[in-house]
Amino acid sequence: MLLWTWGGTVYYFLEVIWKLLREEPERISWTMLVVAVILCVPVERCGAELPWSCPLWLQALACAALVTAVELAAGLILNVWLCLGVWDYSHLPGNLWGQICPQFSALWWGLCLVFIPVFDWLRWTVEGGSMPVYTMKISALVE
């Protein structure tokens, strides 16, 4: 839970900085901290449960898909049902109900590429065990 809380807090502050830079402070919501902590669960678990032979880019792709699914569910609840207006992707091409879009799924993939190793190294530092080792080659899956 410590990793999820830490990761969610870091992401939340990145979100706050992003919205301030875009001059959208009215879109900053405490609900994003809760969503960010929830989103860190699949990211941390993918890094913990997938074998080292699974390429990091593929781990990040699986995490990005999970993050996008959670974002859709959270967006439907927060933005559509509760009308909080925390985010709106309706102006972006390929969006689904203004809640998810390919551009942000790609961003989640990039963030997962960073967060998975960070979570793995933090876990290893505290718990010990096998040191994190990564591959980027898909051929490692069949070896």
C-alpha atoms as a PDB file:
ATOM      1  CA  MET A   1       0.000   0.000   0.000  1.00  0.00           C
ATOM      2  CA  LEU A   2       2.947   2.309   0.639  1.00  0.00           C
ATOM      3  CA  LEU A   3       4.010   2.040  -3.012  1.00  0.00           C
ATOM      4  CA  TRP A   4       0.472   2.719  -4.244  1.00  0.00           C
ATOM      5  CA  THR A   5       0.128   5.770  -1.991  1.00  0.00           C
ATOM      6  CA  TRP A   6       3.557   7.091  -2.948  1.00  0.00           C
ATOM      7  CA  GLY A   7       2.956   6.530  -6.662  1.00  0.00           C
ATOM      8  CA  GLY A   8      -0.521   8.023  -6.528  1.00  0.00           C
ATOM      9  CA  THR A   9       0.749  11.097  -4.707  1.00  0.00           C
ATOM     10  CA  VAL A  10       3.574  11.628  -7.211  1.00  0.00           C
ATOM     11  CA  TYR A  11       1.146  11.243 -10.117  1.00  0.00           C
ATOM     12  CA  TYR A  12      -1.376  13.581  -8.474  1.00  0.00           C
ATOM     13  CA  PHE A  13       1.250  16.314  -8.157  1.00  0.00           C
ATOM     14  CA  LEU A  14       2.222  15.822 -11.821  1.00  0.00           C
ATOM     15  CA  GLU A  15      -1.466  16.224 -12.673  1.00  0.00           C
ATOM     16  CA  VAL A  16      -1.707  19.411 -10.579  1.00  0.00           C
ATOM     17  CA  ILE A  17       1.380  20.876 -12.282  1.00  0.00           C
ATOM     18  CA  TRP A  18      -0.041  19.943 -15.728  1.00  0.00           C
ATOM     19  CA  LYS A  19      -3.373  21.623 -15.008  1.00  0.00           C
ATOM     20  CA  LEU A  20      -1.733  24.731 -13.572  1.00  0.00           C
ATOM     21  CA  LEU A  21       0.544  25.048 -16.611  1.00  0.00           C
ATOM     22  CA  ARG A  22      -2.520  24.726 -18.860  1.00  0.00           C
ATOM     23  CA  GLU A  23      -4.279  27.360 -16.740  1.00  0.00           C
ATOM     24  CA  GLU A  24      -7.054  24.968 -15.715  1.00  0.00           C
ATOM     25  CA  PRO A  25      -6.909  25.119 -11.897  1.00  0.00           C
ATOM     26  CA  GLU A  26     -10.683  24.596 -11.745  1.00  0.00           C
ATOM     27  CA  ARG A  27     -10.110  21.030 -12.996  1.00  0.00           C
ATOM     28  CA  ILE A  28      -7.901  20.121 -10.017  1.00  0.00           C
ATOM     29  CA  SER A  29      -9.853  17.739  -7.801  1.00  0.00           C
ATOM     30  CA  TRP A  30      -9.045  15.671  -4.745  1.00  0.00           C
ATOM     31  CA  THR A  31     -10.764  12.786  -6.520  1.00  0.00           C
ATOM     32  CA  MET A  32      -7.719  12.542  -8.810  1.00  0.00           C
ATOM     33  CA  LEU A  33      -5.557  11.604  -5.814  1.00  0.00           C
ATOM     34  CA  VAL A  34      -7.902   8.702  -5.069  1.00  0.00           C
ATOM     35  CA  VAL A  35      -7.978   7.655  -8.742  1.00  0.00           C
ATOM     36  CA  ALA A  36      -4.176   7.963  -8.959  1.00  0.00           C
ATOM     37  CA  VAL A  37      -3.682   5.660  -5.958  1.00  0.00           C
ATOM     38  CA  ILE A  38      -6.118   3.146  -7.490  1.00  0.00           C
ATOM     39  CA  LEU A  39      -4.286   3.373 -10.839  1.00  0.00           C
ATOM     40  CA  CYS A  40      -0.991   2.545  -9.137  1.00  0.00           C
ATOM     41  CA  VAL A  41      -2.345  -0.854  -8.062  1.00  0.00           C
ATOM     42  CA  PRO A  42      -2.285  -2.471 -11.542  1.00  0.00           C
ATOM     43  CA  VAL A  43       1.027  -0.779 -12.377  1.00  0.00           C
ATOM     44  CA  GLU A  44       2.714  -2.085  -9.243  1.00  0.00           C
ATOM     45  CA  ARG A  45       1.108  -5.526  -9.500  1.00  0.00           C
ATOM     46  CA  CYS A  46       2.103  -5.989 -13.167  1.00  0.00           C
ATOM     47  CA  GLY A  47       5.694  -5.234 -12.249  1.00  0.00           C
ATOM     48  CA  ALA A  48       5.525  -7.590  -9.281  1.00  0.00           C
ATOM     49  CA  GLU A  49       3.666 -10.501 -10.891  1.00  0.00           C
ATOM     50  CA  LEU A  50       4.853 -10.634 -14.507  1.00  0.00           C
ATOM     51  CA  PRO A  51       8.033 -12.670 -15.029  1.00  0.00           C
ATOM     52  CA  TRP A  52      11.349 -10.910 -15.694  1.00  0.00           C
ATOM     53  CA  SER A  53      11.324 -12.521 -19.133  1.00  0.00           C
ATOM     54  CA  CYS A  54       8.307 -10.383 -20.071  1.00  0.00           C
ATOM     55  CA  PRO A  55       9.705  -7.350 -21.915  1.00  0.00           C
ATOM     56  CA  LEU A  56       9.330  -4.082 -20.032  1.00  0.00           C
ATOM     57  CA  TRP A  57       7.521  -2.442 -22.963  1.00  0.00           C
ATOM     58  CA  LEU A  58       4.954  -5.273 -22.892  1.00  0.00           C
ATOM     59  CA  GLN A  59       4.502  -4.971 -19.121  1.00  0.00           C
ATOM     60  CA  ALA A  60       3.928  -1.241 -19.650  1.00  0.00           C
ATOM     61  CA  LEU A  61       1.440  -1.962 -22.444  1.00  0.00           C
ATOM     62  CA  ALA A  62      -0.560  -4.285 -20.169  1.00  0.00           C
ATOM     63  CA  CYS A  63      -0.492  -1.647 -17.423  1.00  0.00           C
ATOM     64  CA  ALA A  64      -1.529   1.125 -19.818  1.00  0.00           C
ATOM     65  CA  ALA A  65      -4.526  -0.967 -20.904  1.00  0.00           C
ATOM     66  CA  LEU A  66      -5.532  -1.469 -17.259  1.00  0.00           C
ATOM     67  CA  VAL A  67      -5.000   2.216 -16.470  1.00  0.00           C
ATOM     68  CA  THR A  68      -7.117   3.214 -19.478  1.00  0.00           C
ATOM     69  CA  ALA A  69      -9.919   0.887 -18.341  1.00  0.00           C
ATOM     70  CA  VAL A  70      -9.841   2.316 -14.813  1.00  0.00           C
ATOM     71  CA  GLU A  71      -9.732   5.839 -16.254  1.00  0.00           C
ATOM     72  CA  LEU A  72     -12.844   5.103 -18.317  1.00  0.00           C
ATOM     73  CA  ALA A  73     -14.716   3.773 -15.288  1.00  0.00           C
ATOM     74  CA  ALA A  74     -13.584   6.697 -13.117  1.00  0.00           C
ATOM     75  CA  GLY A  75     -14.443   9.199 -15.857  1.00  0.00           C
ATOM     76  CA  LEU A  76     -17.934   7.797 -16.295  1.00  0.00           C
ATOM     77  CA  ILE A  77     -18.509   8.068 -12.551  1.00  0.00           C
ATOM     78  CA  LEU A  78     -16.777  11.398 -11.836  1.00  0.00           C
ATOM     79  CA  ASN A  79     -17.346  13.330 -15.042  1.00  0.00           C
ATOM     80  CA  VAL A  80     -20.539  11.912 -16.508  1.00  0.00           C
ATOM     81  CA  TRP A  81     -22.573  10.700 -13.536  1.00  0.00           C
ATOM     82  CA  LEU A  82     -21.386  13.183 -10.850  1.00  0.00           C
ATOM     83  CA  CYS A  83     -20.692  16.029 -13.367  1.00  0.00           C
ATOM     84  CA  LEU A  84     -17.414  17.017 -11.659  1.00  0.00           C
ATOM     85  CA  GLY A  85     -15.641  17.876 -14.910  1.00  0.00           C
ATOM     86  CA  VAL A  86     -12.234  16.651 -13.752  1.00  0.00           C
ATOM     87  CA  TRP A  87     -11.114  15.927 -17.338  1.00  0.00           C
ATOM     88  CA  ASP A  88     -12.571  16.102 -20.810  1.00  0.00           C
ATOM     89  CA  TYR A  89     -10.937  14.549 -23.871  1.00  0.00           C
ATOM     90  CA  SER A  90     -13.886  15.227 -26.186  1.00  0.00           C
ATOM     91  CA  HIS A  91     -11.758  17.628 -28.252  1.00  0.00           C
ATOM     92  CA  LEU A  92      -9.167  14.916 -28.998  1.00  0.00           C
ATOM     93  CA  PRO A  93      -9.484  12.513 -31.943  1.00  0.00           C
ATOM     94  CA  GLY A  94     -10.437   8.926 -31.132  1.00  0.00           C
ATOM     95  CA  ASN A  95     -11.926   9.744 -27.731  1.00  0.00           C
ATOM     96  CA  LEU A  96     -14.600   7.574 -26.154  1.00  0.00           C
ATOM     97  CA  TRP A  97     -17.324   9.689 -24.515  1.00  0.00           C
ATOM     98  CA  GLY A  98     -14.639  12.281 -23.740  1.00  0.00           C
ATOM     99  CA  GLN A  99     -13.242  10.046 -20.988  1.00  0.00           C
ATOM    100  CA  ILE A 100     -10.394   8.162 -22.674  1.00  0.00           C
ATOM    101  CA  CYS A 101      -8.407   8.633 -25.864  1.00  0.00           C
ATOM    102  CA  PRO A 102      -5.452   7.011 -27.644  1.00  0.00           C
ATOM    103  CA  GLN A 103      -3.184   9.979 -26.933  1.00  0.00           C
ATOM    104  CA  PHE A 104      -3.507   9.588 -23.179  1.00  0.00           C
ATOM    105  CA  SER A 105      -3.293   5.790 -23.396  1.00  0.00           C
ATOM    106  CA  ALA A 106       0.092   6.352 -25.054  1.00  0.00           C
ATOM    107  CA  LEU A 107       1.027   8.720 -22.229  1.00  0.00           C
ATOM    108  CA  TRP A 108       0.026   6.078 -19.651  1.00  0.00           C
ATOM    109  CA  TRP A 109       2.278   3.590 -21.490  1.00  0.00           C
ATOM    110  CA  GLY A 110       5.207   6.000 -21.188  1.00  0.00           C
ATOM    111  CA  LEU A 111       4.518   6.649 -17.519  1.00  0.00           C
ATOM    112  CA  CYS A 112       4.218   2.898 -16.883  1.00  0.00           C
ATOM    113  CA  LEU A 113       7.650   2.423 -18.482  1.00  0.00           C
ATOM    114  CA  VAL A 114       8.983   4.665 -15.709  1.00  0.00           C
ATOM    115  CA  PHE A 115       6.768   3.663 -12.783  1.00  0.00           C
ATOM    116  CA  ILE A 116       7.140  -0.132 -13.142  1.00  0.00           C
ATOM    117  CA  PRO A 117      10.931  -0.099 -12.605  1.00  0.00           C
ATOM    118  CA  VAL A 118      10.641   2.524  -9.855  1.00  0.00           C
ATOM    119  CA  PHE A 119       8.097   0.375  -7.995  1.00  0.00           C
ATOM    120  CA  ASP A 120      10.188  -2.767  -8.576  1.00  0.00           C
ATOM    121  CA  TRP A 121      13.363  -1.116  -7.246  1.00  0.00           C
ATOM    122  CA  LEU A 122      11.588   0.355  -4.229  1.00  0.00           C
ATOM    123  CA  ARG A 123      10.048  -3.048  -3.445  1.00  0.00           C
ATOM    124  CA  TRP A 124      13.446  -4.751  -3.857  1.00  0.00           C
ATOM    125  CA  THR A 125      15.104  -2.155  -1.597  1.00  0.00           C
ATOM    126  CA  VAL A 126      12.612  -2.825   1.201  1.00  0.00           C
ATOM    127  CA  GLU A 127      11.881  -6.556   0.778  1.00  0.00           C
ATOM    128  CA  GLY A 128      15.048  -7.898  -0.839  1.00  0.00           C
ATOM    129  CA  GLY A 129      14.713 -10.996  -2.999  1.00  0.00           C
ATOM    130  CA  SER A 130      15.562 -11.046  -6.680  1.00  0.00           C
ATOM    131  CA  MET A 131      17.044  -7.842  -8.049  1.00  0.00           C
ATOM    132  CA  PRO A 132      14.911  -6.386 -10.843  1.00  0.00           C
ATOM    133  CA  VAL A 133      16.145  -7.306 -14.319  1.00  0.00           C
ATOM    134  CA  TYR A 134      14.517  -6.092 -17.520  1.00  0.00           C
ATOM    135  CA  THR A 135      14.510  -7.006 -21.160  1.00  0.00           C
ATOM    136  CA  MET A 136      13.050  -5.173 -24.111  1.00  0.00           C
ATOM    137  CA  LYS A 137      13.206  -8.133 -26.506  1.00  0.00           C
ATOM    138  CA  ILE A 138      10.059 -10.136 -27.221  1.00  0.00           C
ATOM    139  CA  SER A 139      12.220 -13.178 -27.962  1.00  0.00           C
ATOM    140  CA  ALA A 140      12.809 -13.462 -24.194  1.00  0.00           C
ATOM    141  CA  LEU A 141       9.228 -14.706 -23.847  1.00  0.00           C
ATOM    142  CA  VAL A 142       9.877 -17.826 -25.923  1.00  0.00           C
ATOM    143  CA  GLU A 143      13.281 -18.716 -24.523  1.00  0.00           C
END
